[in-house]
Amino acid sequence: MKRFWQITGIVAGCLLAVLLMSVALLITDRVETRLVKIATDQLTAKTGAEMRVGSVAFRFPARLTLRDIYVEDQQHDTLAYIDEVYVHFSPLALLQNQIRFSHIRVHEAVGNLYQTEPGNVWNYQFLVDALQSEDEEEEEEESSGYAISVRNVQLDHIRVRYGDFNTQLHYAQMDLHEWSDEALDAQIGELQAELSGKNRAPFFVENIQARMVLNDTILTIPTLKAQLPKSRFDMSGVEIRFPAGDTIYLSESAHDILISSGIRKAELTPSDIAFFVPTLKSFRRPVAFNGSLNGSLDSLYFNELAVRYNNRQMLEGKVSIFGLPDITNPYIRANLRDFHTNAAQIQDLLSQLNGKPTVLPDELRRLGEIHYRGLASGRLHDLTLHGAFQTGLGSISTDGTFRSDSSFEHMQYDAHVESRQFRLGALVNHDKLGTATLDVSSVGRIDNKQVSGDIKAYVRELTYNDYTYNDLHINGRYEPQRYNGNLEINDPHLDLAFDGVIDAHDVNPEINFNLRCRHFDSAPLGIESVGSSLRTRFNMAVDMNGSKPDDISGYLVIDSLYIASL
């Protein structure tokens, strides 16, 4: 009996040795590489595109390394090249119908994905088709199915090209330090891309560099640098918070996606983003800004914002933008400590926006340097202002709405303006007209530099010919070379009331008004007639039309006339 067990033990030992030798033979690198080569050769023959794996190394019980992986597409371009793939999986999970990867690391990879023609299949589709089993339905019936899960992915020095005729990812290099169900830690070393569309200027990204860390619902980007053809962005401490859930739809979750960031330095040339906002395609001067931002994806708040244009400080304050992520026509609300500009800068801005030279009225140039402090809200072509302008000719407070077309050649306004000791004569280039203190409300429009509208004004003081008139009221409608309304002056030396129409057009002019002069004393007003002063009062009624003396028709009536020479 003892000898039986000895013989049995020797036989079992020999069988175990043979089994171990067989397993060892099967898991040697040369055998593994040979088996993989057979599989890739079959795929190459089946697809007509070269595929190869340089070497395979398996380390018992669950570590696999593949090196020098090359896949060609059917146009004989490189589809993918991977220097090394390392996989660590759980063999026990196979007993539970699971393929569970605890770690995947890809080192030094290149990908090239594109469409051969617009609307055609992608250059990798042939590989997807080839990997589908010919008897797929039969296998699905026989197989109990495997659930695949990946715990951690690491990508080192990954470079990708992508193109679908509307989007071109020319080059991207990324290091994915960690990617799992709980966290993401990635770094973009370099990225170049292009977006194009019908009747749109293309959008180019020359380079993006960023570090991204994702934990649960928070994406942190400690540093972000982006470069467009003529624009540069340098941001720090970017943090994006996502709502909980597996799927996020921007149109539904924009309010729940929270953003905060510091803007160390940014310089945007608006023509770089003309793909998204076509009206900016001619705007080629850079706008520099810095500050910080926070808010949600649909409502961003810029704090301590400073903006420079054409090497001049232009804006300081807080700006909020609503209606995002659509940037074509956002709603803007700004609390401005100082908006600084002048006629030359405004003219340049409008010329850049319109793509053609813009000439502003001389009156705007005479204002000199303009500073605005207050609130501004609305859209680019529909703006409401509530604040004060400080100009080279004096201060003006305003509260009004201004609307325009896309070219700013047609504008509408509804404004209330107040000024104190404003140099009105310098504005209209009239040497006898001095300062004015006034309160004006007007609703009107500007069409091709022609102004028309309704006006209601109270002029507390107006200096003319070195005399300051008091208590002037205006209520009427003004058009180019035409006024229809009333005017009343209650000054100690000039007391009159005008009500009617004065139309000074060259063709068919019209004068139709009533004038009541209750008191006129020329001496204090600096008006002299033939070396003497005049004091008068009268009533006048006029209704006349015609452009030439022999064409004039109508009447002129004067009554209750009193004249005294002093």
Protein backbone atom coordinates (compact mmCIF):
# COMPACT_ATOMS: atom_id res chain seq x y z
CA MET A 1 0.00 0.00 0.00
CA LYS A 2 2.84 2.32 0.88
CA ARG A 3 4.49 1.61 -2.47
CA PHE A 4 1.18 2.42 -4.22
CA TRP A 5 1.09 5.91 -2.73
CA GLN A 6 4.74 6.42 -3.65
CA ILE A 7 4.04 5.51 -7.29
CA THR A 8 0.88 7.66 -7.29
CA GLY A 9 2.80 10.64 -5.90
CA ILE A 10 5.52 10.28 -8.55
CA VAL A 11 2.92 10.14 -11.35
CA ALA A 12 1.02 13.16 -9.96
CA GLY A 13 4.25 15.09 -9.61
CA CYS A 14 5.16 14.34 -13.20
CA LEU A 15 1.73 15.44 -14.40
CA LEU A 16 1.93 18.66 -12.37
CA ALA A 17 5.39 19.33 -13.73
CA VAL A 18 4.16 18.81 -17.30
CA LEU A 19 1.20 21.15 -16.60
CA LEU A 20 3.41 23.86 -15.12
CA MET A 21 5.85 23.54 -18.01
CA SER A 22 2.91 23.90 -20.46
CA VAL A 23 1.60 27.01 -18.67
CA ALA A 24 5.10 28.48 -18.50
CA LEU A 25 5.58 27.80 -22.20
CA LEU A 26 2.28 29.48 -23.04
CA ILE A 27 3.03 32.62 -21.01
CA THR A 28 6.52 33.27 -22.30
CA ASP A 29 6.88 36.57 -24.16
CA ARG A 30 7.84 34.91 -27.42
CA VAL A 31 4.75 32.68 -27.48
CA GLU A 32 2.43 35.55 -26.52
CA THR A 33 3.92 37.80 -29.19
CA ARG A 34 3.56 35.03 -31.76
CA LEU A 35 -0.11 34.46 -30.87
CA VAL A 36 -0.87 38.19 -31.13
CA LYS A 37 0.95 38.37 -34.47
CA ILE A 38 -1.29 35.63 -35.83
CA ALA A 39 -4.36 37.63 -34.80
CA THR A 40 -3.09 40.92 -36.28
CA ASP A 41 -2.04 39.20 -39.48
CA GLN A 42 -5.57 37.87 -39.84
CA LEU A 43 -6.99 41.38 -39.35
CA THR A 44 -4.50 42.78 -41.87
CA ALA A 45 -5.53 40.20 -44.44
CA LYS A 46 -9.21 40.79 -43.74
CA THR A 47 -9.12 44.63 -43.91
CA GLY A 48 -6.23 45.33 -46.27
CA ALA A 49 -4.74 47.72 -43.69
CA GLU A 50 -1.50 46.94 -41.86
CA MET A 51 -1.70 46.15 -38.14
CA ARG A 52 1.04 44.95 -35.87
CA VAL A 53 2.12 44.57 -32.26
CA GLY A 54 5.87 44.60 -31.66
CA SER A 55 5.92 42.61 -28.42
CA VAL A 56 3.69 41.20 -25.68
CA ALA A 57 4.63 40.52 -22.08
CA PHE A 58 2.32 38.77 -19.60
CA ARG A 59 3.15 38.61 -15.90
CA PHE A 60 1.21 36.07 -13.92
CA PRO A 61 -1.44 36.36 -12.75
CA ALA A 62 -2.92 39.58 -14.23
CA ARG A 63 -0.43 42.00 -15.79
CA LEU A 64 -0.16 42.54 -19.53
CA THR A 65 2.12 44.88 -21.49
CA LEU A 66 1.93 45.49 -25.26
CA ARG A 67 4.54 47.54 -27.09
CA ASP A 68 4.96 49.09 -30.53
CA ILE A 69 1.30 48.91 -31.61
CA TYR A 70 0.62 50.19 -35.13
CA VAL A 71 -2.74 50.40 -36.92
CA GLU A 72 -3.09 51.71 -40.46
CA ASP A 73 -6.31 52.89 -42.12
CA GLN A 74 -7.45 51.83 -45.59
CA GLN A 75 -5.95 54.99 -47.12
CA HIS A 76 -2.57 53.71 -45.80
CA ASP A 77 -2.29 56.58 -43.33
CA THR A 78 -1.49 56.05 -39.68
CA LEU A 79 -4.70 55.52 -37.74
CA ALA A 80 -3.01 54.91 -34.39
CA TYR A 81 0.42 54.24 -32.97
CA ILE A 82 1.01 53.37 -29.30
CA ASP A 83 4.44 52.94 -27.85
CA GLU A 84 3.23 50.98 -24.80
CA VAL A 85 0.00 49.80 -23.19
CA TYR A 86 0.04 48.37 -19.67
CA VAL A 87 -3.07 46.61 -18.32
CA HIS A 88 -3.74 45.24 -14.84
CA PHE A 89 -6.96 43.28 -14.49
CA SER A 90 -8.72 41.04 -12.00
CA PRO A 91 -8.69 37.35 -13.08
CA LEU A 92 -11.18 36.35 -10.37
CA ALA A 93 -13.74 38.74 -11.85
CA LEU A 94 -13.86 36.55 -14.97
CA LEU A 95 -15.58 33.88 -12.86
CA GLN A 96 -18.37 36.42 -12.26
CA ASN A 97 -18.76 37.27 -15.95
CA GLN A 98 -16.90 40.57 -15.45
CA ILE A 99 -13.87 42.06 -17.18
CA ARG A 100 -12.54 44.38 -14.52
CA PHE A 101 -9.51 46.57 -15.27
CA SER A 102 -7.99 48.06 -12.16
CA HIS A 103 -5.43 50.11 -14.12
CA ILE A 104 -4.72 50.96 -17.77
CA ARG A 105 -1.70 53.04 -18.76
CA VAL A 106 -1.05 54.24 -22.32
CA HIS A 107 2.36 55.78 -23.00
CA GLU A 108 3.37 57.78 -26.11
CA ALA A 109 0.38 57.42 -28.43
CA VAL A 110 -0.61 59.09 -31.72
CA GLY A 111 -4.14 59.08 -33.15
CA ASN A 112 -5.36 60.31 -36.56
CA LEU A 113 -9.16 60.37 -37.03
CA TYR A 114 -10.84 61.95 -40.03
CA GLN A 115 -13.53 61.65 -42.70
CA THR A 116 -12.38 61.04 -46.26
CA GLU A 117 -15.27 63.15 -47.66
CA PRO A 118 -18.04 65.24 -46.06
CA GLY A 119 -20.74 62.90 -44.81
CA ASN A 120 -18.62 59.78 -45.43
CA VAL A 121 -17.69 57.19 -42.82
CA TRP A 122 -14.68 57.75 -40.60
CA ASN A 123 -11.30 56.26 -41.40
CA TYR A 124 -11.60 53.88 -38.42
CA GLN A 125 -15.02 52.46 -39.32
CA PHE A 126 -13.50 49.56 -41.26
CA LEU A 127 -11.83 48.37 -38.07
CA VAL A 128 -15.09 48.47 -36.12
CA ASP A 129 -16.77 46.44 -38.87
CA ALA A 130 -13.94 43.90 -38.99
CA LEU A 131 -14.00 43.29 -35.24
CA GLN A 132 -17.68 42.46 -35.32
CA SER A 133 -18.10 38.68 -35.36
CA GLU A 134 -19.59 37.20 -38.50
CA ASP A 135 -21.82 35.00 -36.37
CA GLU A 136 -22.62 37.79 -33.87
CA GLU A 137 -26.21 36.70 -33.30
CA GLU A 138 -25.18 33.13 -32.58
CA GLU A 139 -22.54 34.24 -30.09
CA GLU A 140 -25.02 36.49 -28.31
CA GLU A 141 -27.31 33.51 -27.78
CA GLU A 142 -24.52 31.30 -26.44
CA SER A 143 -22.73 33.90 -24.38
CA SER A 144 -23.89 34.89 -20.96
CA GLY A 145 -22.33 38.38 -21.52
CA TYR A 146 -19.52 40.15 -19.72
CA ALA A 147 -19.72 43.47 -17.90
CA ILE A 148 -16.64 45.65 -18.50
CA SER A 149 -15.42 48.21 -15.94
CA VAL A 150 -12.32 50.38 -15.69
CA ARG A 151 -11.17 51.78 -12.37
CA ASN A 152 -8.21 53.90 -13.38
CA VAL A 153 -6.77 55.15 -16.71
CA GLN A 154 -3.46 56.92 -17.19
CA LEU A 155 -2.41 58.53 -20.50
CA ASP A 156 1.12 59.85 -20.95
CA HIS A 157 2.05 62.05 -23.93
CA ILE A 158 -0.98 61.44 -26.12
CA ARG A 159 -1.17 63.27 -29.45
CA VAL A 160 -4.37 63.28 -31.50
CA ARG A 161 -5.49 64.70 -34.85
CA TYR A 162 -9.20 64.92 -35.69
CA GLY A 163 -11.14 66.26 -38.66
CA ASP A 164 -14.76 66.12 -39.87
CA PHE A 165 -14.65 68.99 -42.46
CA ASN A 166 -16.25 71.35 -39.94
CA THR A 167 -13.90 70.65 -37.06
CA GLN A 168 -10.17 70.13 -37.40
CA LEU A 169 -8.15 69.09 -34.36
CA HIS A 170 -4.72 69.54 -35.93
CA TYR A 171 -2.73 68.49 -32.91
CA ALA A 172 -3.37 67.68 -29.27
CA GLN A 173 -0.99 66.42 -26.60
CA MET A 174 -2.41 65.26 -23.28
CA ASP A 175 -1.18 63.57 -20.14
CA LEU A 176 -3.95 61.84 -18.19
CA HIS A 177 -2.40 61.20 -14.79
CA GLU A 178 -5.51 59.63 -13.31
CA TRP A 179 -8.99 58.79 -14.55
CA SER A 180 -11.39 56.79 -12.45
CA ASP A 181 -14.96 56.81 -11.20
CA GLU A 182 -13.88 59.13 -8.39
CA ALA A 183 -11.31 61.46 -9.96
CA LEU A 184 -9.68 62.93 -13.06
CA ASP A 185 -6.22 64.48 -13.22
CA ALA A 186 -5.14 65.52 -16.70
CA GLN A 187 -2.81 67.98 -18.37
CA ILE A 188 -3.06 69.38 -21.91
CA GLY A 189 0.44 70.18 -23.06
CA GLU A 190 -0.48 71.55 -26.48
CA LEU A 191 -3.61 71.76 -28.62
CA GLN A 192 -4.27 73.15 -32.08
CA ALA A 193 -7.76 73.12 -33.60
CA GLU A 194 -10.00 74.75 -36.21
CA LEU A 195 -13.76 75.17 -36.59
CA SER A 196 -15.30 76.12 -39.91
CA GLY A 197 -18.80 76.53 -41.29
CA LYS A 198 -20.68 77.78 -44.32
CA ASN A 199 -20.51 81.58 -44.67
CA ARG A 200 -18.55 81.89 -41.44
CA ALA A 201 -15.03 82.98 -40.69
CA PRO A 202 -13.04 79.99 -39.36
CA PHE A 203 -12.15 79.72 -35.67
CA PHE A 204 -8.54 78.77 -34.96
CA VAL A 205 -7.00 77.60 -31.70
CA GLU A 206 -3.24 77.80 -31.98
CA ASN A 207 -2.50 76.41 -28.54
CA ILE A 208 -4.09 75.51 -25.21
CA GLN A 209 -2.19 74.49 -22.12
CA ALA A 210 -4.08 73.47 -18.99
CA ARG A 211 -4.02 71.28 -15.91
CA MET A 212 -7.40 69.77 -14.96
CA VAL A 213 -8.38 67.96 -11.78
CA LEU A 214 -11.89 66.52 -11.39
CA ASN A 215 -13.21 65.28 -8.07
CA ASP A 216 -16.86 64.26 -7.81
CA THR A 217 -18.71 67.32 -9.19
CA ILE A 218 -15.86 69.87 -9.13
CA LEU A 219 -13.46 70.50 -12.01
CA THR A 220 -10.42 72.52 -10.96
CA ILE A 221 -8.04 74.06 -13.50
CA PRO A 222 -5.12 75.56 -11.56
CA THR A 223 -3.65 77.11 -14.71
CA LEU A 224 -5.13 77.72 -18.16
CA LYS A 225 -3.34 79.35 -21.07
CA ALA A 226 -4.95 79.69 -24.50
CA GLN A 227 -3.67 81.22 -27.71
CA LEU A 228 -5.73 82.17 -30.77
CA PRO A 229 -4.17 83.75 -33.88
CA LYS A 230 -4.20 87.27 -32.36
CA SER A 231 -5.47 86.62 -28.83
CA ARG A 232 -3.92 85.43 -25.56
CA PHE A 233 -5.52 84.27 -22.31
CA ASP A 234 -3.87 83.49 -18.98
CA MET A 235 -6.25 82.39 -16.22
CA SER A 236 -5.69 80.95 -12.76
CA GLY A 237 -7.73 79.09 -10.20
CA VAL A 238 -10.53 78.08 -12.57
CA GLU A 239 -13.19 76.06 -10.76
CA ILE A 240 -16.31 74.57 -12.38
CA ARG A 241 -19.00 72.86 -10.31
CA PHE A 242 -21.40 70.46 -12.05
CA PRO A 243 -24.80 69.28 -10.84
CA ALA A 244 -24.94 65.69 -9.63
CA GLY A 245 -26.06 63.14 -12.19
CA ASP A 246 -24.74 60.96 -14.96
CA THR A 247 -25.89 63.16 -17.87
CA ILE A 248 -25.60 66.96 -18.14
CA TYR A 249 -27.45 68.94 -20.81
CA LEU A 250 -26.14 72.47 -21.25
CA SER A 251 -29.51 73.85 -22.33
CA GLU A 252 -31.14 72.54 -19.16
CA SER A 253 -28.29 72.71 -16.64
CA ALA A 254 -26.53 75.97 -17.59
CA HIS A 255 -27.83 77.66 -14.42
CA ASP A 256 -26.50 74.82 -12.25
CA ILE A 257 -22.97 74.78 -13.71
CA LEU A 258 -21.03 77.21 -11.48
CA ILE A 259 -17.78 78.89 -12.58
CA SER A 260 -15.13 80.96 -10.82
CA SER A 261 -11.72 82.08 -12.07
CA GLY A 262 -9.04 84.71 -11.88
CA ILE A 263 -8.00 86.48 -15.09
CA ARG A 264 -4.34 87.33 -14.78
CA LYS A 265 -3.98 88.67 -18.30
CA ALA A 266 -6.16 88.39 -21.37
CA GLU A 267 -5.93 90.02 -24.77
CA LEU A 268 -8.76 89.35 -27.21
CA THR A 269 -8.83 90.40 -30.85
CA PRO A 270 -12.59 90.15 -31.57
CA SER A 271 -12.10 88.96 -35.17
CA ASP A 272 -10.69 85.73 -33.69
CA ILE A 273 -14.18 84.76 -32.47
CA ALA A 274 -16.11 85.87 -35.59
CA PHE A 275 -17.12 82.21 -36.10
CA PHE A 276 -19.44 82.63 -33.10
CA VAL A 277 -20.24 86.38 -33.54
CA PRO A 278 -20.07 87.18 -37.30
CA THR A 279 -20.44 90.96 -36.72
CA LEU A 280 -16.92 90.99 -35.22
CA LYS A 281 -15.16 89.74 -38.35
CA SER A 282 -13.70 93.20 -39.14
CA PHE A 283 -12.73 94.02 -35.54
CA ARG A 284 -8.95 93.51 -35.61
CA ARG A 285 -7.68 95.68 -32.76
CA PRO A 286 -6.92 93.88 -29.48
CA VAL A 287 -8.88 94.42 -26.27
CA ALA A 288 -6.91 93.65 -23.10
CA PHE A 289 -8.57 92.92 -19.75
CA ASN A 290 -7.96 91.43 -16.32
CA GLY A 291 -9.95 90.78 -13.15
CA SER A 292 -11.94 87.83 -11.86
CA LEU A 293 -15.20 86.10 -12.73
CA ASN A 294 -17.79 83.92 -11.07
CA GLY A 295 -21.37 82.84 -11.59
CA SER A 296 -23.08 80.14 -13.62
CA LEU A 297 -22.70 79.10 -17.24
CA ASP A 298 -25.71 81.22 -18.23
CA SER A 299 -24.83 84.24 -16.02
CA LEU A 300 -21.24 85.38 -15.56
CA TYR A 301 -20.11 88.17 -13.23
CA PHE A 302 -16.80 89.96 -13.86
CA ASN A 303 -15.46 91.65 -10.72
CA GLU A 304 -12.77 94.34 -10.58
CA LEU A 305 -12.67 94.28 -14.36
CA ALA A 306 -10.16 96.52 -16.13
CA VAL A 307 -10.25 96.87 -19.92
CA ARG A 308 -7.73 98.50 -22.23
CA TYR A 309 -8.28 99.29 -25.91
CA ASN A 310 -5.63 100.57 -28.29
CA ASN A 311 -3.19 100.91 -25.35
CA ARG A 312 -5.62 103.13 -23.42
CA GLN A 313 -7.41 102.37 -20.16
CA MET A 314 -11.06 102.20 -21.23
CA LEU A 315 -13.14 100.63 -18.48
CA GLU A 316 -13.05 99.86 -14.76
CA GLY A 317 -15.89 98.31 -12.83
CA LYS A 318 -18.15 95.27 -12.56
CA VAL A 319 -19.84 93.65 -15.56
CA SER A 320 -22.47 90.89 -15.64
CA ILE A 321 -23.38 88.92 -18.78
CA PHE A 322 -26.65 86.98 -19.07
CA GLY A 323 -28.17 84.71 -21.73
CA LEU A 324 -25.15 82.45 -22.14
CA PRO A 325 -23.86 80.11 -23.48
CA ASP A 326 -25.25 81.83 -26.60
CA ILE A 327 -22.78 84.71 -27.09
CA THR A 328 -24.32 86.18 -30.26
CA ASN A 329 -26.55 88.69 -28.43
CA PRO A 330 -26.06 88.55 -24.64
CA TYR A 331 -27.67 90.86 -22.10
CA ILE A 332 -25.09 92.98 -20.27
CA ARG A 333 -25.34 94.86 -16.99
CA ALA A 334 -22.40 97.01 -15.89
CA ASN A 335 -21.64 99.09 -12.82
CA LEU A 336 -18.87 101.33 -14.08
CA ARG A 337 -16.48 103.27 -11.89
CA ASP A 338 -14.97 104.80 -15.02
CA PHE A 339 -15.62 104.35 -18.71
CA HIS A 340 -13.02 106.50 -20.47
CA THR A 341 -13.10 107.30 -24.18
CA ASN A 342 -13.00 110.08 -26.76
CA ALA A 343 -14.30 110.74 -30.28
CA ALA A 344 -11.25 109.19 -31.98
CA GLN A 345 -11.62 105.97 -29.99
CA ILE A 346 -15.39 105.75 -30.57
CA GLN A 347 -14.86 106.40 -34.27
CA ASP A 348 -12.24 103.67 -34.42
CA LEU A 349 -14.47 101.21 -32.56
CA LEU A 350 -17.40 101.83 -34.90
CA SER A 351 -15.15 101.55 -37.95
CA GLN A 352 -13.86 98.21 -36.67
CA LEU A 353 -17.40 96.93 -36.05
CA ASN A 354 -18.78 98.16 -39.38
CA GLY A 355 -15.76 97.14 -41.44
CA LYS A 356 -15.65 100.57 -43.10
CA PRO A 357 -14.61 104.12 -42.13
CA THR A 358 -17.00 105.92 -39.79
CA VAL A 359 -17.01 109.71 -39.41
CA LEU A 360 -18.59 111.16 -36.28
CA PRO A 361 -20.00 114.70 -35.92
CA ASP A 362 -17.53 117.44 -34.98
CA GLU A 363 -19.56 118.09 -31.83
CA LEU A 364 -18.47 114.75 -30.39
CA ARG A 365 -14.82 115.56 -31.06
CA ARG A 366 -15.20 118.89 -29.25
CA LEU A 367 -16.23 117.08 -26.07
CA GLY A 368 -12.60 116.02 -25.61
CA GLU A 369 -11.92 113.25 -23.10
CA ILE A 370 -15.14 111.59 -21.92
CA HIS A 371 -15.52 109.79 -18.58
CA TYR A 372 -18.74 107.96 -17.68
CA ARG A 373 -19.59 106.75 -14.20
CA GLY A 374 -22.81 104.87 -13.52
CA LEU A 375 -24.93 101.96 -14.68
CA ALA A 376 -25.26 100.53 -18.18
CA SER A 377 -27.53 97.64 -19.13
CA GLY A 378 -28.97 96.00 -22.22
CA ARG A 379 -27.58 94.56 -25.40
CA LEU A 380 -25.02 95.94 -27.82
CA HIS A 381 -27.69 97.63 -29.96
CA ASP A 382 -30.20 98.32 -27.17
CA LEU A 383 -28.53 100.05 -24.24
CA THR A 384 -29.85 101.87 -21.14
CA LEU A 385 -27.63 104.37 -19.30
CA HIS A 386 -28.08 105.86 -15.84
CA GLY A 387 -25.10 107.89 -14.73
CA ALA A 388 -22.97 110.95 -15.40
CA PHE A 389 -20.56 112.01 -18.14
CA GLN A 390 -17.61 114.23 -17.36
CA THR A 391 -16.25 115.87 -20.52
CA GLY A 392 -13.84 118.60 -21.48
CA LEU A 393 -16.84 120.96 -21.77
CA GLY A 394 -18.55 120.07 -18.49
CA SER A 395 -20.63 117.37 -16.86
CA ILE A 396 -23.85 115.76 -18.11
CA SER A 397 -26.04 113.37 -16.18
CA THR A 398 -28.23 111.06 -18.23
CA ASP A 399 -30.96 108.49 -17.87
CA GLY A 400 -32.08 106.97 -21.13
CA THR A 401 -32.31 104.16 -23.66
CA PHE A 402 -30.42 104.06 -26.95
CA ARG A 403 -31.14 101.62 -29.78
CA SER A 404 -29.39 101.16 -33.11
CA ASP A 405 -29.11 98.89 -36.11
CA SER A 406 -26.07 96.68 -36.64
CA SER A 407 -24.18 99.42 -38.53
CA PHE A 408 -25.01 102.20 -36.01
CA GLU A 409 -26.21 104.37 -38.91
CA HIS A 410 -29.79 104.42 -37.61
CA MET A 411 -30.40 105.09 -33.92
CA GLN A 412 -33.36 105.69 -31.61
CA TYR A 413 -33.17 107.31 -28.19
CA ASP A 414 -35.38 108.11 -25.23
CA ALA A 415 -33.28 110.14 -22.85
CA HIS A 416 -33.35 112.60 -19.97
CA VAL A 417 -30.27 114.82 -19.70
CA GLU A 418 -29.21 117.38 -17.10
CA SER A 419 -26.17 119.64 -17.12
CA ARG A 420 -24.78 122.48 -15.05
CA GLN A 421 -22.64 125.23 -16.55
CA PHE A 422 -22.04 123.17 -19.66
CA ARG A 423 -20.06 125.00 -22.37
CA LEU A 424 -22.71 124.76 -25.06
CA GLY A 425 -21.13 127.39 -27.31
CA ALA A 426 -17.88 125.45 -27.52
CA LEU A 427 -19.87 122.33 -28.43
CA VAL A 428 -21.69 123.94 -31.39
CA ASN A 429 -18.72 126.18 -32.27
CA HIS A 430 -20.57 129.48 -31.69
CA ASP A 431 -18.36 132.13 -30.14
CA LYS A 432 -21.23 134.25 -28.71
CA LEU A 433 -22.96 131.28 -27.08
CA GLY A 434 -21.63 130.47 -23.60
CA THR A 435 -22.59 128.03 -20.85
CA ALA A 436 -25.96 126.41 -20.17
CA THR A 437 -27.65 124.86 -17.17
CA LEU A 438 -30.51 122.75 -18.46
CA ASP A 439 -32.86 119.81 -17.99
CA VAL A 440 -33.89 118.11 -21.25
CA SER A 441 -36.08 115.12 -22.11
CA SER A 442 -36.17 113.94 -25.70
CA VAL A 443 -37.44 111.00 -27.73
CA GLY A 444 -36.13 110.78 -31.28
CA ARG A 445 -33.93 109.13 -33.85
CA ILE A 446 -30.80 109.65 -35.92
CA ASP A 447 -30.84 108.52 -39.55
CA ASN A 448 -27.72 109.08 -41.63
CA LYS A 449 -26.60 111.88 -39.26
CA GLN A 450 -30.01 113.61 -39.48
CA VAL A 451 -31.64 114.15 -36.06
CA SER A 452 -35.38 114.35 -35.43
CA GLY A 453 -37.65 113.91 -32.42
CA ASP A 454 -39.68 115.47 -29.63
CA ILE A 455 -38.14 117.67 -26.96
CA LYS A 456 -39.18 119.05 -23.62
CA ALA A 457 -36.57 121.25 -22.01
CA TYR A 458 -36.14 123.64 -19.12
CA VAL A 459 -33.11 125.89 -19.46
CA ARG A 460 -32.41 127.46 -16.09
CA GLU A 461 -29.53 129.58 -17.39
CA LEU A 462 -28.14 130.23 -20.86
CA THR A 463 -25.34 132.68 -21.60
CA TYR A 464 -25.38 134.50 -24.94
CA ASN A 465 -23.41 137.58 -25.93
CA ASP A 466 -22.14 137.87 -22.34
CA TYR A 467 -25.68 137.94 -20.91
CA THR A 468 -27.19 135.06 -18.93
CA TYR A 469 -30.82 134.37 -19.79
CA ASN A 470 -33.05 132.71 -17.20
CA ASP A 471 -36.10 130.50 -17.23
CA LEU A 472 -36.38 129.19 -20.81
CA HIS A 473 -38.96 126.49 -21.65
CA ILE A 474 -39.08 124.47 -24.91
CA ASN A 475 -41.75 121.94 -25.87
CA GLY A 476 -42.03 120.73 -29.46
CA ARG A 477 -40.79 118.60 -32.32
CA TYR A 478 -37.55 119.16 -34.18
CA GLU A 479 -36.47 117.87 -37.58
CA PRO A 480 -33.63 118.90 -39.90
CA GLN A 481 -34.26 122.64 -40.62
CA ARG A 482 -37.72 122.48 -39.02
CA TYR A 483 -39.22 123.15 -35.58
CA ASN A 484 -42.87 122.79 -34.57
CA GLY A 485 -43.79 123.69 -31.00
CA ASN A 486 -43.54 126.41 -28.44
CA LEU A 487 -40.79 128.35 -26.72
CA GLU A 488 -41.20 130.57 -23.70
CA ILE A 489 -38.68 132.88 -21.98
CA ASN A 490 -39.38 134.49 -18.61
CA ASP A 491 -36.24 136.57 -18.18
CA PRO A 492 -36.31 140.03 -16.51
CA HIS A 493 -35.16 141.63 -19.77
CA LEU A 494 -36.80 139.28 -22.28
CA ASP A 495 -40.29 137.93 -21.74
CA LEU A 496 -41.83 136.24 -24.78
CA ALA A 497 -43.84 133.24 -25.92
CA PHE A 498 -43.57 131.53 -29.34
CA ASP A 499 -45.97 128.92 -30.67
CA GLY A 500 -45.86 127.62 -34.24
CA VAL A 501 -43.80 126.20 -37.11
CA ILE A 502 -40.58 127.36 -38.72
CA ASP A 503 -39.56 125.30 -41.75
CA ALA A 504 -36.39 126.53 -43.48
CA HIS A 505 -36.15 123.95 -46.25
CA ASP A 506 -35.07 125.32 -49.63
CA VAL A 507 -38.10 123.76 -51.30
CA ASN A 508 -41.49 125.03 -50.10
CA PRO A 509 -40.40 126.64 -46.80
CA GLU A 510 -43.11 127.48 -44.26
CA ILE A 511 -43.39 130.04 -41.44
CA ASN A 512 -46.52 129.88 -39.33
CA PHE A 513 -46.39 131.10 -35.74
CA ASN A 514 -47.74 133.43 -33.09
CA LEU A 515 -45.25 135.47 -31.06
CA ARG A 516 -46.10 137.48 -27.97
CA CYS A 517 -43.31 139.71 -26.71
CA ARG A 518 -44.33 141.06 -23.32
CA HIS A 519 -41.02 142.76 -22.58
CA PHE A 520 -37.77 143.29 -24.46
CA ASP A 521 -34.94 145.50 -23.20
CA SER A 522 -31.94 145.47 -25.54
CA ALA A 523 -29.36 147.27 -23.41
CA PRO A 524 -28.82 144.59 -20.71
CA LEU A 525 -28.84 141.94 -23.41
CA GLY A 526 -25.94 143.57 -25.22
CA ILE A 527 -28.08 144.30 -28.30
CA GLU A 528 -27.90 147.83 -29.72
CA SER A 529 -29.64 149.39 -32.74
CA VAL A 530 -27.97 152.37 -34.44
CA GLY A 531 -25.99 153.18 -31.33
CA SER A 532 -28.99 153.28 -28.98
CA SER A 533 -30.84 150.87 -26.76
CA LEU A 534 -34.37 149.71 -27.44
CA ARG A 535 -37.28 148.70 -25.29
CA THR A 536 -40.37 147.15 -26.87
CA ARG A 537 -43.40 144.90 -26.60
CA PHE A 538 -45.72 143.55 -29.29
CA ASN A 539 -47.84 140.69 -30.64
CA MET A 540 -47.08 139.06 -34.01
CA ALA A 541 -48.90 136.51 -36.19
CA VAL A 542 -47.20 135.10 -39.30
CA ASP A 543 -48.39 132.60 -41.91
CA MET A 544 -46.15 132.64 -44.99
CA ASN A 545 -44.65 130.19 -47.47
CA GLY A 546 -42.51 130.37 -50.59
CA SER A 547 -38.80 130.22 -51.39
CA LYS A 548 -38.40 133.39 -53.48
CA PRO A 549 -39.63 136.96 -52.88
CA ASP A 550 -42.04 136.85 -55.80
CA ASP A 551 -43.35 133.43 -54.72
CA ILE A 552 -44.05 134.35 -51.09
CA SER A 553 -47.67 134.30 -50.05
CA GLY A 554 -49.43 134.73 -46.73
CA TYR A 555 -49.62 137.38 -44.08
CA LEU A 556 -47.74 139.05 -41.23
CA VAL A 557 -49.70 140.93 -38.56
CA ILE A 558 -48.24 143.02 -35.74
CA ASP A 559 -50.39 144.65 -33.10
CA SER A 560 -50.12 146.23 -29.66
CA LEU A 561 -46.69 147.52 -30.66
CA TYR A 562 -44.74 149.63 -28.21
CA ILE A 563 -41.21 150.92 -28.99
CA ALA A 564 -39.04 153.20 -26.93
CA SER A 565 -35.49 154.33 -27.64
CA LEU A 566 -33.29 154.79 -24.57
